[in-house]
């Protein structure tokens, strides 16, 4: 029996760009833009930071720490809005566990695609450092595009996504 290839039309209406503000994460921005431009997508730029208030930090420092981090969050928010200024883009900066916050954002924003930069570590470095991108790839409920540190957006073909 012969098989026939079926062409499915994808529509990425809502893209979630997950970032940790590293240079590697920034390599994914042109890919997000290319896909959003091609599909007319909405973009959610999303970051999850560790909890500020926790049992490992002196309670007396909580207001100071929170104030400093709010200033950093404001700067990050502006950077993301500028990066996606030609698109309908929102920015969310959450605090806590990456997996649960990401899954909540995916559901709340009806995300069709998550795009995340990856450091491309292998071997011992990957074992000790871990891979947030790999965890995201294995656990979220929608398609994920990982972008390596040496990826060239000029060579991407948005019309041919597997």
Foldseek 3Di string as FASTA:
>chain_A
DDDDDDDDDDAFAEEEQEDPPDLQSVVCLLVVVVLCVVRVHEYEYEYEEEDLDDPVDDPVCSVVSVVVVVVVVVVVQVVVCVSPVVHNYHYDYHYHDPQVVVQVVCVVRVGAEYEGGWAPDDDPCCVVVPTPLVVCCPRHDHYYHYHYSPDDSVPDDSVDDD
